[in-house]
Amino acid sequence: MIQVATLACASSRTPPVASPATTAGSTADELPDGRGKTIVLASCTGCHGLREVTKFRGFYNRAQWRDIVVTMVEYGAPVRTQDVEVLADYLTETLGRR
């Protein structure tokens, strides 16, 4: 089982406070454009900074990225069912283990 270090904000009553080093704009330019990037920025950065995602560059394979996406959806991340595989593919292509 994969342990995810992030708690989803959907389960918390107070919004998380992101420091300038972890905001979406601090590393968004590092990601290639595409549908996956749009989903990441819309669905992931509402609860935590983008650096919380990109810090795992080279660490997870596709199955692990998909498990993380599914876990985040279970925690309340606003990812549509049809976008789970798109997001898992994008994270694998962009940040996945080589």
PDB file of N, CA and C in Angstrom:
ATOM      1  N   MET A   1       0.836  -1.174   0.000  1.00  0.00           N
ATOM      2  CA  MET A   1       0.000   0.000   0.000  1.00  0.00           C
ATOM      3  C   MET A   1       0.885   1.242   0.000  1.00  0.00           C
ATOM      4  N   ILE A   2       0.470   2.227  -0.746  1.00  0.00           N
ATOM      5  CA  ILE A   2       1.228   3.476  -0.837  1.00  0.00           C
ATOM      6  C   ILE A   2       0.743   4.419   0.245  1.00  0.00           C
ATOM      7  N   GLN A   3       1.674   5.002   0.946  1.00  0.00           N
ATOM      8  CA  GLN A   3       1.307   5.997   1.927  1.00  0.00           C
ATOM      9  C   GLN A   3       1.398   7.367   1.283  1.00  0.00           C
ATOM     10  N   VAL A   4       0.378   8.168   1.468  1.00  0.00           N
ATOM     11  CA  VAL A   4       0.353   9.505   0.915  1.00  0.00           C
ATOM     12  C   VAL A   4       0.514  10.483   2.060  1.00  0.00           C
ATOM     13  N   ALA A   5       1.461  11.374   1.911  1.00  0.00           N
ATOM     14  CA  ALA A   5       1.789  12.299   2.984  1.00  0.00           C
ATOM     15  C   ALA A   5       0.822  13.469   3.074  1.00  0.00           C
ATOM     16  N   THR A   6      -0.069  13.594   2.128  1.00  0.00           N
ATOM     17  CA  THR A   6      -0.968  14.735   2.091  1.00  0.00           C
ATOM     18  C   THR A   6      -2.350  14.353   2.572  1.00  0.00           C
ATOM     19  N   LEU A   7      -2.942  15.157   3.427  1.00  0.00           N
ATOM     20  CA  LEU A   7      -4.334  14.994   3.802  1.00  0.00           C
ATOM     21  C   LEU A   7      -5.152  15.890   2.900  1.00  0.00           C
ATOM     22  N   ALA A   8      -6.263  15.406   2.445  1.00  0.00           N
ATOM     23  CA  ALA A   8      -7.095  16.203   1.550  1.00  0.00           C
ATOM     24  C   ALA A   8      -7.790  17.299   2.328  1.00  0.00           C
ATOM     25  N   CYS A   9      -7.881  18.451   1.714  1.00  0.00           N
ATOM     26  CA  CYS A   9      -8.525  19.575   2.387  1.00  0.00           C
ATOM     27  C   CYS A   9     -10.025  19.396   2.441  1.00  0.00           C
ATOM     28  N   ALA A  10     -10.574  18.524   1.597  1.00  0.00           N
ATOM     29  CA  ALA A  10     -12.015  18.330   1.592  1.00  0.00           C
ATOM     30  C   ALA A  10     -12.515  17.833   2.942  1.00  0.00           C
ATOM     31  N   SER A  11     -11.652  17.154   3.689  1.00  0.00           N
ATOM     32  CA  SER A  11     -12.079  16.634   4.974  1.00  0.00           C
ATOM     33  C   SER A  11     -11.816  17.620   6.117  1.00  0.00           C
ATOM     34  N   SER A  12     -11.160  18.713   5.815  1.00  0.00           N
ATOM     35  CA  SER A  12     -10.845  19.685   6.853  1.00  0.00           C
ATOM     36  C   SER A  12     -11.816  20.852   6.783  1.00  0.00           C
ATOM     37  N   ARG A  13     -12.067  21.483   7.895  1.00  0.00           N
ATOM     38  CA  ARG A  13     -12.993  22.606   7.945  1.00  0.00           C
ATOM     39  C   ARG A  13     -12.306  23.929   7.613  1.00  0.00           C
ATOM     40  N   THR A  14     -11.015  24.019   7.833  1.00  0.00           N
ATOM     41  CA  THR A  14     -10.303  25.256   7.524  1.00  0.00           C
ATOM     42  C   THR A  14      -9.417  25.039   6.314  1.00  0.00           C
ATOM     43  N   PRO A  15      -9.390  26.008   5.399  1.00  0.00           N
ATOM     44  CA  PRO A  15      -8.563  25.824   4.204  1.00  0.00           C
ATOM     45  C   PRO A  15      -7.088  25.820   4.558  1.00  0.00           C
ATOM     46  N   PRO A  16      -6.284  25.019   3.838  1.00  0.00           N
ATOM     47  CA  PRO A  16      -4.855  24.990   4.118  1.00  0.00           C
ATOM     48  C   PRO A  16      -4.204  26.297   3.710  1.00  0.00           C
ATOM     49  N   VAL A  17      -3.141  26.624   4.372  1.00  0.00           N
ATOM     50  CA  VAL A  17      -2.394  27.829   4.045  1.00  0.00           C
ATOM     51  C   VAL A  17      -1.131  27.395   3.328  1.00  0.00           C
ATOM     52  N   ALA A  18      -0.973  27.847   2.101  1.00  0.00           N
ATOM     53  CA  ALA A  18       0.206  27.500   1.315  1.00  0.00           C
ATOM     54  C   ALA A  18       1.237  28.604   1.434  1.00  0.00           C
ATOM     55  N   SER A  19       2.463  28.193   1.611  1.00  0.00           N
ATOM     56  CA  SER A  19       3.533  29.182   1.636  1.00  0.00           C
ATOM     57  C   SER A  19       3.877  29.549   0.205  1.00  0.00           C
ATOM     58  N   PRO A  20       4.544  30.683  -0.028  1.00  0.00           N
ATOM     59  CA  PRO A  20       4.903  31.060  -1.389  1.00  0.00           C
ATOM     60  C   PRO A  20       5.720  29.989  -2.111  1.00  0.00           C
ATOM     61  N   ALA A  21       6.484  29.200  -1.389  1.00  0.00           N
ATOM     62  CA  ALA A  21       7.319  28.164  -2.022  1.00  0.00           C
ATOM     63  C   ALA A  21       6.497  26.978  -2.501  1.00  0.00           C
ATOM     64  N   THR A  22       5.240  26.859  -2.046  1.00  0.00           N
ATOM     65  CA  THR A  22       4.452  25.705  -2.429  1.00  0.00           C
ATOM     66  C   THR A  22       3.201  26.066  -3.216  1.00  0.00           C
ATOM     67  N   THR A  23       3.066  27.287  -3.652  1.00  0.00           N
ATOM     68  CA  THR A  23       1.888  27.660  -4.409  1.00  0.00           C
ATOM     69  C   THR A  23       1.945  27.088  -5.811  1.00  0.00           C
ATOM     70  N   ALA A  24       0.786  27.005  -6.448  1.00  0.00           N
ATOM     71  CA  ALA A  24       0.699  26.413  -7.787  1.00  0.00           C
ATOM     72  C   ALA A  24       1.593  27.148  -8.781  1.00  0.00           C
ATOM     73  N   GLY A  25       1.659  28.462  -8.714  1.00  0.00           N
ATOM     74  CA  GLY A  25       2.436  29.222  -9.676  1.00  0.00           C
ATOM     75  C   GLY A  25       3.936  29.031  -9.554  1.00  0.00           C
ATOM     76  N   SER A  26       4.406  28.538  -8.438  1.00  0.00           N
ATOM     77  CA  SER A  26       5.850  28.420  -8.243  1.00  0.00           C
ATOM     78  C   SER A  26       6.478  27.348  -9.109  1.00  0.00           C
ATOM     79  N   THR A  27       5.730  26.328  -9.522  1.00  0.00           N
ATOM     80  CA  THR A  27       6.309  25.270 -10.342  1.00  0.00           C
ATOM     81  C   THR A  27       5.428  24.888 -11.525  1.00  0.00           C
ATOM     82  N   ALA A  28       4.325  25.573 -11.761  1.00  0.00           N
ATOM     83  CA  ALA A  28       3.425  25.223 -12.859  1.00  0.00           C
ATOM     84  C   ALA A  28       4.132  25.261 -14.200  1.00  0.00           C
ATOM     85  N   ASP A  29       5.093  26.167 -14.360  1.00  0.00           N
ATOM     86  CA  ASP A  29       5.821  26.260 -15.620  1.00  0.00           C
ATOM     87  C   ASP A  29       6.695  25.035 -15.880  1.00  0.00           C
ATOM     88  N   GLU A  30       6.994  24.271 -14.835  1.00  0.00           N
ATOM     89  CA  GLU A  30       7.803  23.061 -14.992  1.00  0.00           C
ATOM     90  C   GLU A  30       7.034  21.937 -15.667  1.00  0.00           C
ATOM     91  N   LEU A  31       5.717  22.016 -15.658  1.00  0.00           N
ATOM     92  CA  LEU A  31       4.892  20.950 -16.217  1.00  0.00           C
ATOM     93  C   LEU A  31       4.540  21.254 -17.665  1.00  0.00           C
ATOM     94  N   PRO A  32       4.578  20.239 -18.531  1.00  0.00           N
ATOM     95  CA  PRO A  32       4.181  20.461 -19.923  1.00  0.00           C
ATOM     96  C   PRO A  32       2.681  20.708 -20.022  1.00  0.00           C
ATOM     97  N   ASP A  33       2.290  21.540 -20.978  1.00  0.00           N
ATOM     98  CA  ASP A  33       0.883  21.832 -21.184  1.00  0.00           C
ATOM     99  C   ASP A  33       0.139  20.589 -21.631  1.00  0.00           C
ATOM    100  N   GLY A  34      -1.147  20.589 -21.395  1.00  0.00           N
ATOM    101  CA  GLY A  34      -1.994  19.488 -21.818  1.00  0.00           C
ATOM    102  C   GLY A  34      -3.163  19.327 -20.876  1.00  0.00           C
ATOM    103  N   ARG A  35      -4.031  18.400 -21.235  1.00  0.00           N
ATOM    104  CA  ARG A  35      -5.221  18.151 -20.425  1.00  0.00           C
ATOM    105  C   ARG A  35      -4.869  17.739 -18.998  1.00  0.00           C
ATOM    106  N   GLY A  36      -3.824  16.935 -18.860  1.00  0.00           N
ATOM    107  CA  GLY A  36      -3.396  16.503 -17.531  1.00  0.00           C
ATOM    108  C   GLY A  36      -2.969  17.661 -16.654  1.00  0.00           C
ATOM    109  N   LYS A  37      -2.250  18.619 -17.236  1.00  0.00           N
ATOM    110  CA  LYS A  37      -1.823  19.784 -16.465  1.00  0.00           C
ATOM    111  C   LYS A  37      -3.029  20.582 -16.006  1.00  0.00           C
ATOM    112  N   THR A  38      -3.998  20.727 -16.886  1.00  0.00           N
ATOM    113  CA  THR A  38      -5.225  21.449 -16.531  1.00  0.00           C
ATOM    114  C   THR A  38      -5.918  20.779 -15.350  1.00  0.00           C
ATOM    115  N   ILE A  39      -5.969  19.444 -15.368  1.00  0.00           N
ATOM    116  CA  ILE A  39      -6.600  18.699 -14.272  1.00  0.00           C
ATOM    117  C   ILE A  39      -5.801  18.866 -12.987  1.00  0.00           C
ATOM    118  N   VAL A  40      -4.485  18.760 -13.076  1.00  0.00           N
ATOM    119  CA  VAL A  40      -3.632  18.938 -11.890  1.00  0.00           C
ATOM    120  C   VAL A  40      -3.879  20.305 -11.265  1.00  0.00           C
ATOM    121  N   LEU A  41      -3.834  21.339 -12.080  1.00  0.00           N
ATOM    122  CA  LEU A  41      -3.981  22.697 -11.552  1.00  0.00           C
ATOM    123  C   LEU A  41      -5.384  22.944 -11.001  1.00  0.00           C
ATOM    124  N   ALA A  42      -6.391  22.346 -11.613  1.00  0.00           N
ATOM    125  CA  ALA A  42      -7.767  22.551 -11.156  1.00  0.00           C
ATOM    126  C   ALA A  42      -8.138  21.668  -9.965  1.00  0.00           C
ATOM    127  N   SER A  43      -7.576  20.468  -9.911  1.00  0.00           N
ATOM    128  CA  SER A  43      -8.031  19.491  -8.925  1.00  0.00           C
ATOM    129  C   SER A  43      -7.084  19.250  -7.763  1.00  0.00           C
ATOM    130  N   CYS A  44      -5.815  19.465  -7.961  1.00  0.00           N
ATOM    131  CA  CYS A  44      -4.835  19.142  -6.918  1.00  0.00           C
ATOM    132  C   CYS A  44      -4.431  20.359  -6.100  1.00  0.00           C
ATOM    133  N   THR A  45      -4.268  21.471  -6.767  1.00  0.00           N
ATOM    134  CA  THR A  45      -3.724  22.642  -6.081  1.00  0.00           C
ATOM    135  C   THR A  45      -4.751  23.385  -5.244  1.00  0.00           C
ATOM    136  N   GLY A  46      -5.995  22.941  -5.261  1.00  0.00           N
ATOM    137  CA  GLY A  46      -6.988  23.537  -4.382  1.00  0.00           C
ATOM    138  C   GLY A  46      -6.758  23.165  -2.927  1.00  0.00           C
ATOM    139  N   CYS A  47      -6.075  22.060  -2.703  1.00  0.00           N
ATOM    140  CA  CYS A  47      -5.830  21.580  -1.336  1.00  0.00           C
ATOM    141  C   CYS A  47      -4.377  21.718  -0.903  1.00  0.00           C
ATOM    142  N   HIS A  48      -3.463  21.658  -1.849  1.00  0.00           N
ATOM    143  CA  HIS A  48      -2.049  21.773  -1.487  1.00  0.00           C
ATOM    144  C   HIS A  48      -1.284  22.368  -2.652  1.00  0.00           C
ATOM    145  N   GLY A  49      -0.107  22.825  -2.374  1.00  0.00           N
ATOM    146  CA  GLY A  49       0.732  23.402  -3.405  1.00  0.00           C
ATOM    147  C   GLY A  49       1.166  22.370  -4.427  1.00  0.00           C
ATOM    148  N   LEU A  50       1.457  22.836  -5.610  1.00  0.00           N
ATOM    149  CA  LEU A  50       1.889  21.955  -6.682  1.00  0.00           C
ATOM    150  C   LEU A  50       3.181  21.235  -6.329  1.00  0.00           C
ATOM    151  N   ARG A  51       4.016  21.849  -5.532  1.00  0.00           N
ATOM    152  CA  ARG A  51       5.266  21.207  -5.132  1.00  0.00           C
ATOM    153  C   ARG A  51       5.017  19.909  -4.364  1.00  0.00           C
ATOM    154  N   GLU A  52       3.855  19.800  -3.740  1.00  0.00           N
ATOM    155  CA  GLU A  52       3.500  18.559  -3.043  1.00  0.00           C
ATOM    156  C   GLU A  52       3.344  17.409  -4.037  1.00  0.00           C
ATOM    157  N   VAL A  53       3.041  17.727  -5.284  1.00  0.00           N
ATOM    158  CA  VAL A  53       2.944  16.722  -6.339  1.00  0.00           C
ATOM    159  C   VAL A  53       4.309  16.530  -7.011  1.00  0.00           C
ATOM    160  N   THR A  54       4.923  17.618  -7.403  1.00  0.00           N
ATOM    161  CA  THR A  54       6.161  17.534  -8.191  1.00  0.00           C
ATOM    162  C   THR A  54       7.352  17.020  -7.394  1.00  0.00           C
ATOM    163  N   LYS A  55       7.284  17.088  -6.084  1.00  0.00           N
ATOM    164  CA  LYS A  55       8.420  16.600  -5.287  1.00  0.00           C
ATOM    165  C   LYS A  55       8.607  15.090  -5.419  1.00  0.00           C
ATOM    166  N   PHE A  56       7.604  14.404  -5.959  1.00  0.00           N
ATOM    167  CA  PHE A  56       7.699  12.956  -6.147  1.00  0.00           C
ATOM    168  C   PHE A  56       8.165  12.582  -7.549  1.00  0.00           C
ATOM    169  N   ARG A  57       8.736  13.525  -8.282  1.00  0.00           N
ATOM    170  CA  ARG A  57       9.256  13.270  -9.627  1.00  0.00           C
ATOM    171  C   ARG A  57      10.236  12.096  -9.590  1.00  0.00           C
ATOM    172  N   GLY A  58       9.986  11.114 -10.463  1.00  0.00           N
ATOM    173  CA  GLY A  58      10.870   9.964 -10.569  1.00  0.00           C
ATOM    174  C   GLY A  58      10.674   8.893  -9.515  1.00  0.00           C
ATOM    175  N   PHE A  59       9.685   9.071  -8.665  1.00  0.00           N
ATOM    176  CA  PHE A  59       9.507   8.149  -7.546  1.00  0.00           C
ATOM    177  C   PHE A  59       8.468   7.063  -7.814  1.00  0.00           C
ATOM    178  N   TYR A  60       7.342   7.411  -8.453  1.00  0.00           N
ATOM    179  CA  TYR A  60       6.233   6.474  -8.624  1.00  0.00           C
ATOM    180  C   TYR A  60       6.102   5.979 -10.053  1.00  0.00           C
ATOM    181  N   ASN A  61       5.655   4.723 -10.200  1.00  0.00           N
ATOM    182  CA  ASN A  61       5.301   4.198 -11.514  1.00  0.00           C
ATOM    183  C   ASN A  61       3.818   4.503 -11.766  1.00  0.00           C
ATOM    184  N   ARG A  62       3.292   4.062 -12.912  1.00  0.00           N
ATOM    185  CA  ARG A  62       1.921   4.426 -13.261  1.00  0.00           C
ATOM    186  C   ARG A  62       0.894   3.869 -12.271  1.00  0.00           C
ATOM    187  N   ALA A  63       1.045   2.635 -11.876  1.00  0.00           N
ATOM    188  CA  ALA A  63       0.093   2.036 -10.936  1.00  0.00           C
ATOM    189  C   ALA A  63       0.070   2.815  -9.623  1.00  0.00           C
ATOM    190  N   GLN A  64       1.225   3.255  -9.183  1.00  0.00           N
ATOM    191  CA  GLN A  64       1.299   4.016  -7.937  1.00  0.00           C
ATOM    192  C   GLN A  64       0.677   5.403  -8.100  1.00  0.00           C
ATOM    193  N   TRP A  65       0.948   6.066  -9.231  1.00  0.00           N
ATOM    194  CA  TRP A  65       0.320   7.376  -9.470  1.00  0.00           C
ATOM    195  C   TRP A  65      -1.200   7.223  -9.517  1.00  0.00           C
ATOM    196  N   ARG A  66      -1.680   6.172 -10.170  1.00  0.00           N
ATOM    197  CA  ARG A  66      -3.125   5.965 -10.245  1.00  0.00           C
ATOM    198  C   ARG A  66      -3.703   5.742  -8.852  1.00  0.00           C
ATOM    199  N   ASP A  67      -3.036   4.955  -8.032  1.00  0.00           N
ATOM    200  CA  ASP A  67      -3.496   4.735  -6.661  1.00  0.00           C
ATOM    201  C   ASP A  67      -3.578   6.049  -5.890  1.00  0.00           C
ATOM    202  N   ILE A  68      -2.598   6.919  -6.090  1.00  0.00           N
ATOM    203  CA  ILE A  68      -2.602   8.210  -5.409  1.00  0.00           C
ATOM    204  C   ILE A  68      -3.781   9.057  -5.890  1.00  0.00           C
ATOM    205  N   VAL A  69      -4.004   9.077  -7.194  1.00  0.00           N
ATOM    206  CA  VAL A  69      -5.136   9.838  -7.737  1.00  0.00           C
ATOM    207  C   VAL A  69      -6.441   9.318  -7.149  1.00  0.00           C
ATOM    208  N   VAL A  70      -6.628   8.005  -7.143  1.00  0.00           N
ATOM    209  CA  VAL A  70      -7.855   7.414  -6.595  1.00  0.00           C
ATOM    210  C   VAL A  70      -8.001   7.763  -5.112  1.00  0.00           C
ATOM    211  N   THR A  71      -6.916   7.698  -4.374  1.00  0.00           N
ATOM    212  CA  THR A  71      -6.954   8.051  -2.951  1.00  0.00           C
ATOM    213  C   THR A  71      -7.356   9.510  -2.761  1.00  0.00           C
ATOM    214  N   MET A  72      -6.789  10.396  -3.564  1.00  0.00           N
ATOM    215  CA  MET A  72      -7.133  11.811  -3.455  1.00  0.00           C
ATOM    216  C   MET A  72      -8.602  12.051  -3.809  1.00  0.00           C
ATOM    217  N   VAL A  73      -9.117  11.325  -4.789  1.00  0.00           N
ATOM    218  CA  VAL A  73     -10.538  11.431  -5.134  1.00  0.00           C
ATOM    219  C   VAL A  73     -11.389  10.971  -3.949  1.00  0.00           C
ATOM    220  N   GLU A  74     -10.984   9.890  -3.305  1.00  0.00           N
ATOM    221  CA  GLU A  74     -11.708   9.402  -2.123  1.00  0.00           C
ATOM    222  C   GLU A  74     -11.688  10.435  -0.998  1.00  0.00           C
ATOM    223  N   TYR A  75     -10.608  11.215  -0.919  1.00  0.00           N
ATOM    224  CA  TYR A  75     -10.508  12.281   0.091  1.00  0.00           C
ATOM    225  C   TYR A  75     -11.275  13.526  -0.317  1.00  0.00           C
ATOM    226  N   GLY A  76     -11.778  13.547  -1.552  1.00  0.00           N
ATOM    227  CA  GLY A  76     -12.587  14.687  -1.969  1.00  0.00           C
ATOM    228  C   GLY A  76     -12.031  15.520  -3.097  1.00  0.00           C
ATOM    229  N   ALA A  77     -10.923  15.119  -3.694  1.00  0.00           N
ATOM    230  CA  ALA A  77     -10.381  15.875  -4.824  1.00  0.00           C
ATOM    231  C   ALA A  77     -11.398  15.876  -5.961  1.00  0.00           C
ATOM    232  N   PRO A  78     -11.635  17.035  -6.559  1.00  0.00           N
ATOM    233  CA  PRO A  78     -12.654  17.136  -7.607  1.00  0.00           C
ATOM    234  C   PRO A  78     -12.150  16.662  -8.969  1.00  0.00           C
ATOM    235  N   VAL A  79     -11.931  15.373  -9.098  1.00  0.00           N
ATOM    236  CA  VAL A  79     -11.484  14.766 -10.351  1.00  0.00           C
ATOM    237  C   VAL A  79     -12.634  13.913 -10.870  1.00  0.00           C
ATOM    238  N   ARG A  80     -13.074  14.207 -12.086  1.00  0.00           N
ATOM    239  CA  ARG A  80     -14.153  13.425 -12.690  1.00  0.00           C
ATOM    240  C   ARG A  80     -13.655  12.010 -12.978  1.00  0.00           C
ATOM    241  N   THR A  81     -14.569  11.053 -12.916  1.00  0.00           N
ATOM    242  CA  THR A  81     -14.224   9.644 -13.132  1.00  0.00           C
ATOM    243  C   THR A  81     -13.461   9.457 -14.433  1.00  0.00           C
ATOM    244  N   GLN A  82     -13.901  10.101 -15.497  1.00  0.00           N
ATOM    245  CA  GLN A  82     -13.244   9.938 -16.794  1.00  0.00           C
ATOM    246  C   GLN A  82     -11.867  10.594 -16.837  1.00  0.00           C
ATOM    247  N   ASP A  83     -11.537  11.417 -15.861  1.00  0.00           N
ATOM    248  CA  ASP A  83     -10.233  12.078 -15.829  1.00  0.00           C
ATOM    249  C   ASP A  83      -9.194  11.361 -14.975  1.00  0.00           C
ATOM    250  N   VAL A  84      -9.601  10.325 -14.251  1.00  0.00           N
ATOM    251  CA  VAL A  84      -8.660   9.597 -13.391  1.00  0.00           C
ATOM    252  C   VAL A  84      -7.530   9.005 -14.232  1.00  0.00           C
ATOM    253  N   GLU A  85      -7.868   8.334 -15.310  1.00  0.00           N
ATOM    254  CA  GLU A  85      -6.839   7.703 -16.144  1.00  0.00           C
ATOM    255  C   GLU A  85      -6.005   8.753 -16.878  1.00  0.00           C
ATOM    256  N   VAL A  86      -6.647   9.829 -17.317  1.00  0.00           N
ATOM    257  CA  VAL A  86      -5.922  10.920 -17.982  1.00  0.00           C
ATOM    258  C   VAL A  86      -4.889  11.499 -17.024  1.00  0.00           C
ATOM    259  N   LEU A  87      -5.292  11.728 -15.785  1.00  0.00           N
ATOM    260  CA  LEU A  87      -4.392  12.292 -14.787  1.00  0.00           C
ATOM    261  C   LEU A  87      -3.277  11.314 -14.433  1.00  0.00           C
ATOM    262  N   ALA A  88      -3.612  10.049 -14.270  1.00  0.00           N
ATOM    263  CA  ALA A  88      -2.586   9.037 -13.972  1.00  0.00           C
ATOM    264  C   ALA A  88      -1.574   8.948 -15.111  1.00  0.00           C
ATOM    265  N   ASP A  89      -2.050   8.979 -16.353  1.00  0.00           N
ATOM    266  CA  ASP A  89      -1.144   8.958 -17.506  1.00  0.00           C
ATOM    267  C   ASP A  89      -0.243  10.183 -17.521  1.00  0.00           C
ATOM    268  N   TYR A  90      -0.835  11.342 -17.290  1.00  0.00           N
ATOM    269  CA  TYR A  90      -0.061  12.588 -17.316  1.00  0.00           C
ATOM    270  C   TYR A  90       1.004  12.601 -16.223  1.00  0.00           C
ATOM    271  N   LEU A  91       0.631  12.230 -15.022  1.00  0.00           N
ATOM    272  CA  LEU A  91       1.589  12.211 -13.912  1.00  0.00           C
ATOM    273  C   LEU A  91       2.722  11.221 -14.185  1.00  0.00           C
ATOM    274  N   THR A  92       2.378  10.094 -14.788  1.00  0.00           N
ATOM    275  CA  THR A  92       3.394   9.094 -15.127  1.00  0.00           C
ATOM    276  C   THR A  92       4.338   9.622 -16.195  1.00  0.00           C
ATOM    277  N   GLU A  93       3.781  10.188 -17.255  1.00  0.00           N
ATOM    278  CA  GLU A  93       4.597  10.717 -18.346  1.00  0.00           C
ATOM    279  C   GLU A  93       5.479  11.873 -17.895  1.00  0.00           C
ATOM    280  N   THR A  94       4.927  12.712 -17.039  1.00  0.00           N
ATOM    281  CA  THR A  94       5.620  13.924 -16.621  1.00  0.00           C
ATOM    282  C   THR A  94       6.542  13.706 -15.430  1.00  0.00           C
ATOM    283  N   LEU A  95       6.071  12.935 -14.448  1.00  0.00           N
ATOM    284  CA  LEU A  95       6.794  12.813 -13.184  1.00  0.00           C
ATOM    285  C   LEU A  95       7.169  11.375 -12.827  1.00  0.00           C
ATOM    286  N   GLY A  96       6.770  10.438 -13.653  1.00  0.00           N
ATOM    287  CA  GLY A  96       6.927   9.021 -13.306  1.00  0.00           C
ATOM    288  C   GLY A  96       8.352   8.516 -13.282  1.00  0.00           C
ATOM    289  N   ARG A  97       8.495   7.389 -12.629  1.00  0.00           N
ATOM    290  CA  ARG A  97       9.776   6.711 -12.525  1.00  0.00           C
ATOM    291  C   ARG A  97      10.239   6.302 -13.910  1.00  0.00           C
ATOM    292  N   ARG A  98      11.488   6.499 -14.196  1.00  0.00           N
ATOM    293  CA  ARG A  98      12.069   6.134 -15.513  1.00  0.00           C
ATOM    294  C   ARG A  98      12.864   4.869 -15.386  1.00  0.00           C
TER     295      ARG A  98
END
